[in-house]
């Protein structure tokens, strides 16, 4: 089996202010989706949600605020799954809750580096 990283992106809109109820409404579908992947033995790494703040370091040690200085989407998080093919990983990505709120999932093959 190969490993694939599912990268979650959404339109840049800043950090939303959510009530506890809204946060629960958002969290439950993600827990169910990740739980289903794990139950099928395809979860390699649960991954993490990324914060909205950050910095980018460029050549010459130039530091700019924000990881999204020149793009209109922000990277929200990732998870790693294992499947036989890219097509199988894409099928898993089709169930991602981010799609219900206008986001997208980038599916990339993880290439193991032997260092």
PDB file of N, CA and C in Angstrom:
ATOM      1  N   UNK A   1       0.834  -1.186   0.000  1.00  0.00           N
ATOM      2  CA  UNK A   1       0.000   0.000   0.000  1.00  0.00           C
ATOM      3  C   UNK A   1       0.881   1.253   0.000  1.00  0.00           C
ATOM      4  N   UNK A   2       0.360   2.288  -0.592  1.00  0.00           N
ATOM      5  CA  UNK A   2       1.043   3.578  -0.625  1.00  0.00           C
ATOM      6  C   UNK A   2       0.414   4.500   0.402  1.00  0.00           C
ATOM      7  N   UNK A   3       1.160   5.542   0.764  1.00  0.00           N
ATOM      8  CA  UNK A   3       0.622   6.551   1.661  1.00  0.00           C
ATOM      9  C   UNK A   3       0.309   7.810   0.870  1.00  0.00           C
ATOM     10  N   UNK A   4      -0.796   8.464   1.244  1.00  0.00           N
ATOM     11  CA  UNK A   4      -1.235   9.688   0.586  1.00  0.00           C
ATOM     12  C   UNK A   4      -1.559  10.721   1.652  1.00  0.00           C
ATOM     13  N   UNK A   5      -1.113  11.951   1.416  1.00  0.00           N
ATOM     14  CA  UNK A   5      -1.455  13.052   2.310  1.00  0.00           C
ATOM     15  C   UNK A   5      -2.671  13.771   1.754  1.00  0.00           C
ATOM     16  N   UNK A   6      -3.659  13.960   2.598  1.00  0.00           N
ATOM     17  CA  UNK A   6      -4.837  14.736   2.241  1.00  0.00           C
ATOM     18  C   UNK A   6      -4.651  16.104   2.886  1.00  0.00           C
ATOM     19  N   UNK A   7      -4.556  17.140   2.070  1.00  0.00           N
ATOM     20  CA  UNK A   7      -4.303  18.499   2.539  1.00  0.00           C
ATOM     21  C   UNK A   7      -5.607  19.282   2.435  1.00  0.00           C
ATOM     22  N   UNK A   8      -6.036  19.854   3.540  1.00  0.00           N
ATOM     23  CA  UNK A   8      -7.318  20.555   3.594  1.00  0.00           C
ATOM     24  C   UNK A   8      -7.114  22.054   3.445  1.00  0.00           C
ATOM     25  N   UNK A   9      -7.829  22.645   2.494  1.00  0.00           N
ATOM     26  CA  UNK A   9      -7.746  24.081   2.247  1.00  0.00           C
ATOM     27  C   UNK A   9      -9.149  24.674   2.256  1.00  0.00           C
ATOM     28  N   UNK A  10      -9.203  25.971   2.591  1.00  0.00           N
ATOM     29  CA  UNK A  10     -10.466  26.691   2.541  1.00  0.00           C
ATOM     30  C   UNK A  10     -10.188  28.124   2.136  1.00  0.00           C
ATOM     31  N   UNK A  11     -11.222  28.813   1.677  1.00  0.00           N
ATOM     32  CA  UNK A  11     -11.080  30.207   1.273  1.00  0.00           C
ATOM     33  C   UNK A  11     -10.580  31.029   2.458  1.00  0.00           C
ATOM     34  N   UNK A  12      -9.663  31.921   2.184  1.00  0.00           N
ATOM     35  CA  UNK A  12      -9.091  32.760   3.230  1.00  0.00           C
ATOM     36  C   UNK A  12     -10.154  33.699   3.779  1.00  0.00           C
ATOM     37  N   UNK A  13     -10.408  33.604   5.071  1.00  0.00           N
ATOM     38  CA  UNK A  13     -11.399  34.480   5.679  1.00  0.00           C
ATOM     39  C   UNK A  13     -11.047  34.834   7.108  1.00  0.00           C
ATOM     40  N   UNK A  14      -9.860  34.477   7.548  1.00  0.00           N
ATOM     41  CA  UNK A  14      -9.487  34.762   8.927  1.00  0.00           C
ATOM     42  C   UNK A  14     -10.046  33.718   9.865  1.00  0.00           C
ATOM     43  N   UNK A  15      -9.634  33.785  11.103  1.00  0.00           N
ATOM     44  CA  UNK A  15     -10.074  32.828  12.105  1.00  0.00           C
ATOM     45  C   UNK A  15     -11.521  33.111  12.489  1.00  0.00           C
ATOM     46  N   UNK A  16     -12.419  32.149  12.275  1.00  0.00           N
ATOM     47  CA  UNK A  16     -13.822  32.385  12.619  1.00  0.00           C
ATOM     48  C   UNK A  16     -14.034  32.360  14.129  1.00  0.00           C
ATOM     49  N   UNK A  17     -14.977  33.129  14.600  1.00  0.00           N
ATOM     50  CA  UNK A  17     -15.377  33.118  16.010  1.00  0.00           C
ATOM     51  C   UNK A  17     -16.600  32.217  16.111  1.00  0.00           C
ATOM     52  N   UNK A  18     -16.431  31.076  16.760  1.00  0.00           N
ATOM     53  CA  UNK A  18     -17.511  30.090  16.826  1.00  0.00           C
ATOM     54  C   UNK A  18     -17.956  29.873  18.262  1.00  0.00           C
ATOM     55  N   UNK A  19     -19.251  29.669  18.432  1.00  0.00           N
ATOM     56  CA  UNK A  19     -19.792  29.309  19.741  1.00  0.00           C
ATOM     57  C   UNK A  19     -19.437  27.843  20.016  1.00  0.00           C
ATOM     58  N   UNK A  20     -19.539  27.405  21.266  1.00  0.00           N
ATOM     59  CA  UNK A  20     -19.287  25.981  21.556  1.00  0.00           C
ATOM     60  C   UNK A  20     -20.188  25.053  20.736  1.00  0.00           C
ATOM     61  N   UNK A  21     -21.426  25.465  20.507  1.00  0.00           N
ATOM     62  CA  UNK A  21     -22.353  24.645  19.731  1.00  0.00           C
ATOM     63  C   UNK A  21     -21.918  24.565  18.261  1.00  0.00           C
ATOM     64  N   UNK A  22     -21.497  25.698  17.706  1.00  0.00           N
ATOM     65  CA  UNK A  22     -21.027  25.719  16.321  1.00  0.00           C
ATOM     66  C   UNK A  22     -19.765  24.875  16.176  1.00  0.00           C
ATOM     67  N   UNK A  23     -18.875  24.963  17.149  1.00  0.00           N
ATOM     68  CA  UNK A  23     -17.646  24.173  17.121  1.00  0.00           C
ATOM     69  C   UNK A  23     -17.973  22.685  17.144  1.00  0.00           C
ATOM     70  N   UNK A  24     -18.933  22.273  17.970  1.00  0.00           N
ATOM     71  CA  UNK A  24     -19.348  20.871  18.027  1.00  0.00           C
ATOM     72  C   UNK A  24     -19.964  20.433  16.709  1.00  0.00           C
ATOM     73  N   UNK A  25     -20.779  21.311  16.096  1.00  0.00           N
ATOM     74  CA  UNK A  25     -21.393  20.991  14.801  1.00  0.00           C
ATOM     75  C   UNK A  25     -20.346  20.755  13.730  1.00  0.00           C
ATOM     76  N   UNK A  26     -19.242  21.467  13.793  1.00  0.00           N
ATOM     77  CA  UNK A  26     -18.161  21.318  12.820  1.00  0.00           C
ATOM     78  C   UNK A  26     -17.298  20.100  13.140  1.00  0.00           C
ATOM     79  N   UNK A  27     -17.051  19.865  14.423  1.00  0.00           N
ATOM     80  CA  UNK A  27     -16.130  18.812  14.851  1.00  0.00           C
ATOM     81  C   UNK A  27     -16.690  17.406  14.623  1.00  0.00           C
ATOM     82  N   UNK A  28     -17.960  17.198  14.891  1.00  0.00           N
ATOM     83  CA  UNK A  28     -18.549  15.846  14.803  1.00  0.00           C
ATOM     84  C   UNK A  28     -18.392  15.199  13.434  1.00  0.00           C
ATOM     85  N   UNK A  29     -18.698  15.892  12.318  1.00  0.00           N
ATOM     86  CA  UNK A  29     -18.499  15.249  11.010  1.00  0.00           C
ATOM     87  C   UNK A  29     -17.035  14.857  10.752  1.00  0.00           C
ATOM     88  N   UNK A  30     -16.116  15.684  11.239  1.00  0.00           N
ATOM     89  CA  UNK A  30     -14.698  15.345  11.071  1.00  0.00           C
ATOM     90  C   UNK A  30     -14.337  14.096  11.872  1.00  0.00           C
ATOM     91  N   UNK A  31     -14.814  14.022  13.104  1.00  0.00           N
ATOM     92  CA  UNK A  31     -14.549  12.841  13.930  1.00  0.00           C
ATOM     93  C   UNK A  31     -15.121  11.585  13.280  1.00  0.00           C
ATOM     94  N   UNK A  32     -16.330  11.696  12.749  1.00  0.00           N
ATOM     95  CA  UNK A  32     -16.959  10.548  12.091  1.00  0.00           C
ATOM     96  C   UNK A  32     -16.182  10.122  10.850  1.00  0.00           C
ATOM     97  N   UNK A  33     -15.763  11.104  10.043  1.00  0.00           N
ATOM     98  CA  UNK A  33     -15.038  10.808   8.804  1.00  0.00           C
ATOM     99  C   UNK A  33     -13.694  10.145   9.103  1.00  0.00           C
ATOM    100  N   UNK A  34     -12.921  10.745  10.013  1.00  0.00           N
ATOM    101  CA  UNK A  34     -11.620  10.170  10.391  1.00  0.00           C
ATOM    102  C   UNK A  34     -11.813   8.801  11.041  1.00  0.00           C
ATOM    103  N   UNK A  35     -12.837   8.672  11.889  1.00  0.00           N
ATOM    104  CA  UNK A  35     -13.126   7.382  12.531  1.00  0.00           C
ATOM    105  C   UNK A  35     -13.429   6.293  11.518  1.00  0.00           C
ATOM    106  N   UNK A  36     -14.152   6.650  10.459  1.00  0.00           N
ATOM    107  CA  UNK A  36     -14.453   5.679   9.403  1.00  0.00           C
ATOM    108  C   UNK A  36     -13.212   5.235   8.660  1.00  0.00           C
ATOM    109  N   UNK A  37     -12.310   6.174   8.410  1.00  0.00           N
ATOM    110  CA  UNK A  37     -11.042   5.818   7.748  1.00  0.00           C
ATOM    111  C   UNK A  37     -10.248   4.869   8.639  1.00  0.00           C
ATOM    112  N   UNK A  38     -10.188   5.187   9.938  1.00  0.00           N
ATOM    113  CA  UNK A  38      -9.453   4.340  10.879  1.00  0.00           C
ATOM    114  C   UNK A  38     -10.090   2.951  10.975  1.00  0.00           C
ATOM    115  N   UNK A  39     -11.411   2.898  11.013  1.00  0.00           N
ATOM    116  CA  UNK A  39     -12.123   1.613  11.127  1.00  0.00           C
ATOM    117  C   UNK A  39     -11.846   0.712   9.932  1.00  0.00           C
ATOM    118  N   UNK A  40     -11.555   1.323   8.780  1.00  0.00           N
ATOM    119  CA  UNK A  40     -11.227   0.550   7.580  1.00  0.00           C
ATOM    120  C   UNK A  40      -9.737   0.229   7.479  1.00  0.00           C
ATOM    121  N   UNK A  41      -8.960   0.581   8.503  1.00  0.00           N
ATOM    122  CA  UNK A  41      -7.527   0.276   8.526  1.00  0.00           C
ATOM    123  C   UNK A  41      -6.712   1.099   7.542  1.00  0.00           C
ATOM    124  N   UNK A  42      -7.212   2.272   7.156  1.00  0.00           N
ATOM    125  CA  UNK A  42      -6.522   3.078   6.157  1.00  0.00           C
ATOM    126  C   UNK A  42      -5.902   4.349   6.733  1.00  0.00           C
ATOM    127  N   UNK A  43      -6.049   4.588   8.025  1.00  0.00           N
ATOM    128  CA  UNK A  43      -5.497   5.789   8.641  1.00  0.00           C
ATOM    129  C   UNK A  43      -4.057   5.544   9.061  1.00  0.00           C
ATOM    130  N   UNK A  44      -3.142   6.363   8.550  1.00  0.00           N
ATOM    131  CA  UNK A  44      -1.738   6.269   8.932  1.00  0.00           C
ATOM    132  C   UNK A  44      -1.448   7.290  10.027  1.00  0.00           C
ATOM    133  N   UNK A  45      -1.869   8.515   9.785  1.00  0.00           N
ATOM    134  CA  UNK A  45      -1.639   9.591  10.735  1.00  0.00           C
ATOM    135  C   UNK A  45      -2.865  10.482  10.751  1.00  0.00           C
ATOM    136  N   UNK A  46      -3.395  10.682  11.924  1.00  0.00           N
ATOM    137  CA  UNK A  46      -4.591  11.507  12.076  1.00  0.00           C
ATOM    138  C   UNK A  46      -4.337  12.913  11.574  1.00  0.00           C
ATOM    139  N   UNK A  47      -3.132  13.404  11.713  1.00  0.00           N
ATOM    140  CA  UNK A  47      -2.822  14.757  11.280  1.00  0.00           C
ATOM    141  C   UNK A  47      -3.259  15.774  12.298  1.00  0.00           C
ATOM    142  N   UNK A  48      -3.212  17.011  11.924  1.00  0.00           N
ATOM    143  CA  UNK A  48      -3.532  18.091  12.827  1.00  0.00           C
ATOM    144  C   UNK A  48      -4.161  19.244  12.073  1.00  0.00           C
ATOM    145  N   UNK A  49      -4.878  20.059  12.823  1.00  0.00           N
ATOM    146  CA  UNK A  49      -5.395  21.303  12.284  1.00  0.00           C
ATOM    147  C   UNK A  49      -4.293  22.336  12.452  1.00  0.00           C
ATOM    148  N   UNK A  50      -4.141  23.205  11.487  1.00  0.00           N
ATOM    149  CA  UNK A  50      -3.122  24.237  11.554  1.00  0.00           C
ATOM    150  C   UNK A  50      -3.759  25.565  11.928  1.00  0.00           C
ATOM    151  N   UNK A  51      -3.024  26.375  12.684  1.00  0.00           N
ATOM    152  CA  UNK A  51      -3.512  27.684  13.101  1.00  0.00           C
ATOM    153  C   UNK A  51      -3.521  28.638  11.917  1.00  0.00           C
ATOM    154  N   UNK A  52      -4.282  29.704  12.031  1.00  0.00           N
ATOM    155  CA  UNK A  52      -4.376  30.697  10.961  1.00  0.00           C
ATOM    156  C   UNK A  52      -3.148  31.609  10.907  1.00  0.00           C
ATOM    157  N   UNK A  53      -2.423  31.714  12.009  1.00  0.00           N
ATOM    158  CA  UNK A  53      -1.257  32.593  12.057  1.00  0.00           C
ATOM    159  C   UNK A  53       0.004  31.815  11.749  1.00  0.00           C
ATOM    160  N   UNK A  54       1.017  32.524  11.249  1.00  0.00           N
ATOM    161  CA  UNK A  54       2.292  31.901  10.956  1.00  0.00           C
ATOM    162  C   UNK A  54       3.214  32.899  10.294  1.00  0.00           C
ATOM    163  N   UNK A  55       4.308  32.410   9.791  1.00  0.00           N
ATOM    164  CA  UNK A  55       5.282  33.232   9.093  1.00  0.00           C
ATOM    165  C   UNK A  55       5.887  32.416   7.974  1.00  0.00           C
ATOM    166  N   UNK A  56       6.388  33.102   6.964  1.00  0.00           N
ATOM    167  CA  UNK A  56       7.058  32.445   5.851  1.00  0.00           C
ATOM    168  C   UNK A  56       8.484  32.973   5.774  1.00  0.00           C
ATOM    169  N   UNK A  57       9.459  32.063   5.723  1.00  0.00           N
ATOM    170  CA  UNK A  57      10.859  32.431   5.584  1.00  0.00           C
ATOM    171  C   UNK A  57      11.265  32.174   4.147  1.00  0.00           C
ATOM    172  N   UNK A  58      11.800  33.194   3.491  1.00  0.00           N
ATOM    173  CA  UNK A  58      12.207  33.115   2.088  1.00  0.00           C
ATOM    174  C   UNK A  58      13.721  33.268   1.990  1.00  0.00           C
ATOM    175  N   UNK A  59      14.282  32.991   0.792  1.00  0.00           N
ATOM    176  CA  UNK A  59      15.732  33.172   0.632  1.00  0.00           C
ATOM    177  C   UNK A  59      16.173  34.555   1.093  1.00  0.00           C
ATOM    178  N   UNK A  60      17.375  34.612   1.656  1.00  0.00           N
ATOM    179  CA  UNK A  60      17.899  35.861   2.184  1.00  0.00           C
ATOM    180  C   UNK A  60      17.352  36.157   3.569  1.00  0.00           C
ATOM    181  N   UNK A  61      16.742  35.133   4.197  1.00  0.00           N
ATOM    182  CA  UNK A  61      16.146  35.266   5.524  1.00  0.00           C
ATOM    183  C   UNK A  61      15.091  36.357   5.598  1.00  0.00           C
ATOM    184  N   UNK A  62      14.334  36.531   4.517  1.00  0.00           N
ATOM    185  CA  UNK A  62      13.223  37.474   4.498  1.00  0.00           C
ATOM    186  C   UNK A  62      12.030  36.782   5.146  1.00  0.00           C
ATOM    187  N   UNK A  63      11.477  37.404   6.157  1.00  0.00           N
ATOM    188  CA  UNK A  63      10.358  36.832   6.896  1.00  0.00           C
ATOM    189  C   UNK A  63       9.126  37.698   6.667  1.00  0.00           C
ATOM    190  N   UNK A  64       8.028  37.039   6.248  1.00  0.00           N
ATOM    191  CA  UNK A  64       6.764  37.745   6.071  1.00  0.00           C
ATOM    192  C   UNK A  64       5.712  37.106   6.966  1.00  0.00           C
ATOM    193  N   UNK A  65       4.758  37.905   7.386  1.00  0.00           N
ATOM    194  CA  UNK A  65       3.670  37.403   8.223  1.00  0.00           C
ATOM    195  C   UNK A  65       2.749  36.537   7.390  1.00  0.00           C
ATOM    196  N   UNK A  66       2.233  35.503   8.027  1.00  0.00           N
ATOM    197  CA  UNK A  66       1.227  34.664   7.387  1.00  0.00           C
ATOM    198  C   UNK A  66       1.797  33.647   6.435  1.00  0.00           C
ATOM    199  N   UNK A  67       1.261  32.445   6.495  1.00  0.00           N
ATOM    200  CA  UNK A  67       1.681  31.389   5.569  1.00  0.00           C
ATOM    201  C   UNK A  67       0.993  31.489   4.219  1.00  0.00           C
ATOM    202  N   UNK A  68       0.129  32.489   4.026  1.00  0.00           N
ATOM    203  CA  UNK A  68      -0.701  32.563   2.830  1.00  0.00           C
ATOM    204  C   UNK A  68      -0.578  33.925   2.161  1.00  0.00           C
ATOM    205  N   UNK A  69       0.599  34.476   2.155  1.00  0.00           N
ATOM    206  CA  UNK A  69       0.807  35.839   1.672  1.00  0.00           C
ATOM    207  C   UNK A  69       0.353  36.046   0.228  1.00  0.00           C
ATOM    208  N   UNK A  70       0.505  35.032  -0.625  1.00  0.00           N
ATOM    209  CA  UNK A  70       0.213  35.244  -2.041  1.00  0.00           C
ATOM    210  C   UNK A  70      -0.849  34.304  -2.601  1.00  0.00           C
ATOM    211  N   UNK A  71      -1.601  33.652  -1.743  1.00  0.00           N
ATOM    212  CA  UNK A  71      -2.658  32.768  -2.232  1.00  0.00           C
ATOM    213  C   UNK A  71      -3.990  33.162  -1.615  1.00  0.00           C
ATOM    214  N   UNK A  72      -5.060  32.749  -2.227  1.00  0.00           N
ATOM    215  CA  UNK A  72      -6.385  33.117  -1.746  1.00  0.00           C
ATOM    216  C   UNK A  72      -7.018  32.020  -0.888  1.00  0.00           C
ATOM    217  N   UNK A  73      -6.297  30.944  -0.660  1.00  0.00           N
ATOM    218  CA  UNK A  73      -6.776  29.869   0.202  1.00  0.00           C
ATOM    219  C   UNK A  73      -5.774  29.680   1.326  1.00  0.00           C
ATOM    220  N   UNK A  74      -6.260  29.142   2.435  1.00  0.00           N
ATOM    221  CA  UNK A  74      -5.356  28.854   3.535  1.00  0.00           C
ATOM    222  C   UNK A  74      -5.337  27.355   3.801  1.00  0.00           C
ATOM    223  N   UNK A  75      -4.183  26.890   4.196  1.00  0.00           N
ATOM    224  CA  UNK A  75      -3.993  25.493   4.548  1.00  0.00           C
ATOM    225  C   UNK A  75      -4.524  25.305   5.960  1.00  0.00           C
ATOM    226  N   UNK A  76      -5.516  24.435   6.111  1.00  0.00           N
ATOM    227  CA  UNK A  76      -6.162  24.233   7.405  1.00  0.00           C
ATOM    228  C   UNK A  76      -5.619  23.036   8.173  1.00  0.00           C
ATOM    229  N   UNK A  77      -5.135  22.024   7.473  1.00  0.00           N
ATOM    230  CA  UNK A  77      -4.651  20.840   8.148  1.00  0.00           C
ATOM    231  C   UNK A  77      -4.410  19.717   7.167  1.00  0.00           C
ATOM    232  N   UNK A  78      -4.151  18.532   7.703  1.00  0.00           N
ATOM    233  CA  UNK A  78      -3.824  17.389   6.862  1.00  0.00           C
ATOM    234  C   UNK A  78      -4.090  16.089   7.618  1.00  0.00           C
ATOM    235  N   UNK A  79      -4.114  15.013   6.885  1.00  0.00           N
ATOM    236  CA  UNK A  79      -4.086  13.672   7.454  1.00  0.00           C
ATOM    237  C   UNK A  79      -3.383  12.779   6.439  1.00  0.00           C
ATOM    238  N   UNK A  80      -2.919  11.628   6.873  1.00  0.00           N
ATOM    239  CA  UNK A  80      -2.245  10.692   5.974  1.00  0.00           C
ATOM    240  C   UNK A  80      -3.002   9.372   6.004  1.00  0.00           C
ATOM    241  N   UNK A  81      -3.312   8.876   4.809  1.00  0.00           N
ATOM    242  CA  UNK A  81      -4.029   7.610   4.666  1.00  0.00           C
ATOM    243  C   UNK A  81      -3.187   6.648   3.848  1.00  0.00           C
ATOM    244  N   UNK A  82      -3.539   5.362   3.901  1.00  0.00           N
ATOM    245  CA  UNK A  82      -2.851   4.375   3.065  1.00  0.00           C
ATOM    246  C   UNK A  82      -3.890   3.645   2.228  1.00  0.00           C
ATOM    247  N   UNK A  83      -3.614   3.575   0.936  1.00  0.00           N
ATOM    248  CA  UNK A  83      -4.479   2.879  -0.001  1.00  0.00           C
ATOM    249  C   UNK A  83      -3.601   2.273  -1.088  1.00  0.00           C
ATOM    250  N   UNK A  84      -4.203   1.495  -1.936  1.00  0.00           N
ATOM    251  CA  UNK A  84      -3.441   0.896  -3.032  1.00  0.00           C
ATOM    252  C   UNK A  84      -3.160   1.881  -4.157  1.00  0.00           C
ATOM    253  N   UNK A  85      -4.084   2.803  -4.402  1.00  0.00           N
ATOM    254  CA  UNK A  85      -3.939   3.698  -5.552  1.00  0.00           C
ATOM    255  C   UNK A  85      -4.352   5.129  -5.192  1.00  0.00           C
ATOM    256  N   UNK A  86      -3.922   6.059  -6.030  1.00  0.00           N
ATOM    257  CA  UNK A  86      -4.336   7.447  -5.909  1.00  0.00           C
ATOM    258  C   UNK A  86      -5.855   7.552  -6.012  1.00  0.00           C
ATOM    259  N   UNK A  87      -6.446   6.789  -6.909  1.00  0.00           N
ATOM    260  CA  UNK A  87      -7.906   6.809  -7.074  1.00  0.00           C
ATOM    261  C   UNK A  87      -8.620   6.423  -5.783  1.00  0.00           C
ATOM    262  N   UNK A  88      -8.085   5.451  -5.062  1.00  0.00           N
ATOM    263  CA  UNK A  88      -8.678   5.056  -3.783  1.00  0.00           C
ATOM    264  C   UNK A  88      -8.579   6.191  -2.765  1.00  0.00           C
ATOM    265  N   UNK A  89      -7.439   6.871  -2.736  1.00  0.00           N
ATOM    266  CA  UNK A  89      -7.257   8.001  -1.819  1.00  0.00           C
ATOM    267  C   UNK A  89      -8.201   9.146  -2.173  1.00  0.00           C
ATOM    268  N   UNK A  90      -8.419   9.373  -3.462  1.00  0.00           N
ATOM    269  CA  UNK A  90      -9.362  10.405  -3.907  1.00  0.00           C
ATOM    270  C   UNK A  90     -10.771  10.062  -3.441  1.00  0.00           C
ATOM    271  N   UNK A  91     -11.136   8.795  -3.496  1.00  0.00           N
ATOM    272  CA  UNK A  91     -12.465   8.388  -3.028  1.00  0.00           C
ATOM    273  C   UNK A  91     -12.633   8.695  -1.543  1.00  0.00           C
ATOM    274  N   UNK A  92     -11.587   8.464  -0.754  1.00  0.00           N
ATOM    275  CA  UNK A  92     -11.639   8.812   0.669  1.00  0.00           C
ATOM    276  C   UNK A  92     -11.816  10.316   0.822  1.00  0.00           C
ATOM    277  N   UNK A  93     -11.062  11.095   0.052  1.00  0.00           N
ATOM    278  CA  UNK A  93     -11.120  12.558   0.132  1.00  0.00           C
ATOM    279  C   UNK A  93     -12.510  13.090  -0.201  1.00  0.00           C
ATOM    280  N   UNK A  94     -13.238  12.399  -1.048  1.00  0.00           N
ATOM    281  CA  UNK A  94     -14.587  12.852  -1.436  1.00  0.00           C
ATOM    282  C   UNK A  94     -15.546  12.905  -0.252  1.00  0.00           C
ATOM    283  N   UNK A  95     -15.242  12.214   0.831  1.00  0.00           N
ATOM    284  CA  UNK A  95     -16.094  12.240   2.013  1.00  0.00           C
ATOM    285  C   UNK A  95     -15.708  13.297   3.032  1.00  0.00           C
ATOM    286  N   UNK A  96     -14.698  14.091   2.742  1.00  0.00           N
ATOM    287  CA  UNK A  96     -14.186  15.075   3.702  1.00  0.00           C
ATOM    288  C   UNK A  96     -15.206  16.180   3.973  1.00  0.00           C
ATOM    289  N   UNK A  97     -15.447  16.499   5.243  1.00  0.00           N
ATOM    290  CA  UNK A  97     -16.402  17.551   5.595  1.00  0.00           C
ATOM    291  C   UNK A  97     -16.042  18.942   5.067  1.00  0.00           C
ATOM    292  N   UNK A  98     -14.794  19.208   4.753  1.00  0.00           N
ATOM    293  CA  UNK A  98     -14.400  20.526   4.251  1.00  0.00           C
ATOM    294  C   UNK A  98     -15.113  20.847   2.938  1.00  0.00           C
ATOM    295  N   UNK A  99     -15.480  19.815   2.196  1.00  0.00           N
ATOM    296  CA  UNK A  99     -16.164  20.019   0.918  1.00  0.00           C
ATOM    297  C   UNK A  99     -17.555  20.619   1.112  1.00  0.00           C
ATOM    298  N   UNK A 100     -18.163  20.398   2.284  1.00  0.00           N
ATOM    299  CA  UNK A 100     -19.506  20.904   2.566  1.00  0.00           C
ATOM    300  C   UNK A 100     -19.524  22.405   2.854  1.00  0.00           C
ATOM    301  N   UNK A 101     -18.342  22.986   3.081  1.00  0.00           N
ATOM    302  CA  UNK A 101     -18.267  24.425   3.384  1.00  0.00           C
ATOM    303  C   UNK A 101     -17.428  25.178   2.352  1.00  0.00           C
ATOM    304  N   UNK A 102     -17.285  24.594   1.159  1.00  0.00           N
ATOM    305  CA  UNK A 102     -16.602  25.281   0.076  1.00  0.00           C
ATOM    306  C   UNK A 102     -15.101  25.079   0.009  1.00  0.00           C
ATOM    307  N   UNK A 103     -14.553  24.236   0.871  1.00  0.00           N
ATOM    308  CA  UNK A 103     -13.120  23.966   0.846  1.00  0.00           C
ATOM    309  C   UNK A 103     -12.772  22.884  -0.162  1.00  0.00           C
ATOM    310  N   UNK A 104     -11.500  22.518  -0.189  1.00  0.00           N
ATOM    311  CA  UNK A 104     -11.068  21.451  -1.084  1.00  0.00           C
ATOM    312  C   UNK A 104     -10.020  20.590  -0.406  1.00  0.00           C
ATOM    313  N   UNK A 105      -9.790  19.432  -0.988  1.00  0.00           N
ATOM    314  CA  UNK A 105      -8.804  18.482  -0.474  1.00  0.00           C
ATOM    315  C   UNK A 105      -7.812  18.175  -1.589  1.00  0.00           C
ATOM    316  N   UNK A 106      -6.562  18.459  -1.329  1.00  0.00           N
ATOM    317  CA  UNK A 106      -5.497  18.091  -2.262  1.00  0.00           C
ATOM    318  C   UNK A 106      -4.979  16.723  -1.836  1.00  0.00           C
ATOM    319  N   UNK A 107      -4.842  15.804  -2.775  1.00  0.00           N
ATOM    320  CA  UNK A 107      -4.379  14.442  -2.481  1.00  0.00           C
ATOM    321  C   UNK A 107      -3.016  14.293  -3.116  1.00  0.00           C
ATOM    322  N   UNK A 108      -2.011  13.972  -2.293  1.00  0.00           N
ATOM    323  CA  UNK A 108      -0.639  13.843  -2.775  1.00  0.00           C
ATOM    324  C   UNK A 108      -0.020  12.550  -2.295  1.00  0.00           C
ATOM    325  N   UNK A 109       0.724  11.876  -3.164  1.00  0.00           N
ATOM    326  CA  UNK A 109       1.464  10.676  -2.776  1.00  0.00           C
ATOM    327  C   UNK A 109       2.616  11.069  -1.867  1.00  0.00           C
ATOM    328  N   UNK A 110       2.797  10.336  -0.770  1.00  0.00           N
ATOM    329  CA  UNK A 110       3.929  10.549   0.120  1.00  0.00           C
ATOM    330  C   UNK A 110       5.091   9.716  -0.399  1.00  0.00           C
ATOM    331  N   UNK A 111       6.189  10.354  -0.669  1.00  0.00           N
ATOM    332  CA  UNK A 111       7.385   9.661  -1.153  1.00  0.00           C
ATOM    333  C   UNK A 111       8.334   9.493   0.048  1.00  0.00           C
ATOM    334  N   UNK A 112       8.611   8.247   0.394  1.00  0.00           N
ATOM    335  CA  UNK A 112       9.505   7.970   1.520  1.00  0.00           C
ATOM    336  C   UNK A 112      10.945   8.282   1.155  1.00  0.00           C
ATOM    337  N   UNK A 113      11.598   9.046   1.996  1.00  0.00           N
ATOM    338  CA  UNK A 113      13.003   9.411   1.774  1.00  0.00           C
ATOM    339  C   UNK A 113      13.889   8.524   2.637  1.00  0.00           C
ATOM    340  N   UNK A 114      14.834   7.878   2.048  1.00  0.00           N
ATOM    341  CA  UNK A 114      15.774   7.031   2.784  1.00  0.00           C
ATOM    342  C   UNK A 114      17.037   7.826   3.019  1.00  0.00           C
ATOM    343  N   UNK A 115      17.113   8.456   4.178  1.00  0.00           N
ATOM    344  CA  UNK A 115      18.280   9.294   4.506  1.00  0.00           C
ATOM    345  C   UNK A 115      19.212   8.578   5.412  1.00  0.00           C
TER     346      UNK A 115
END
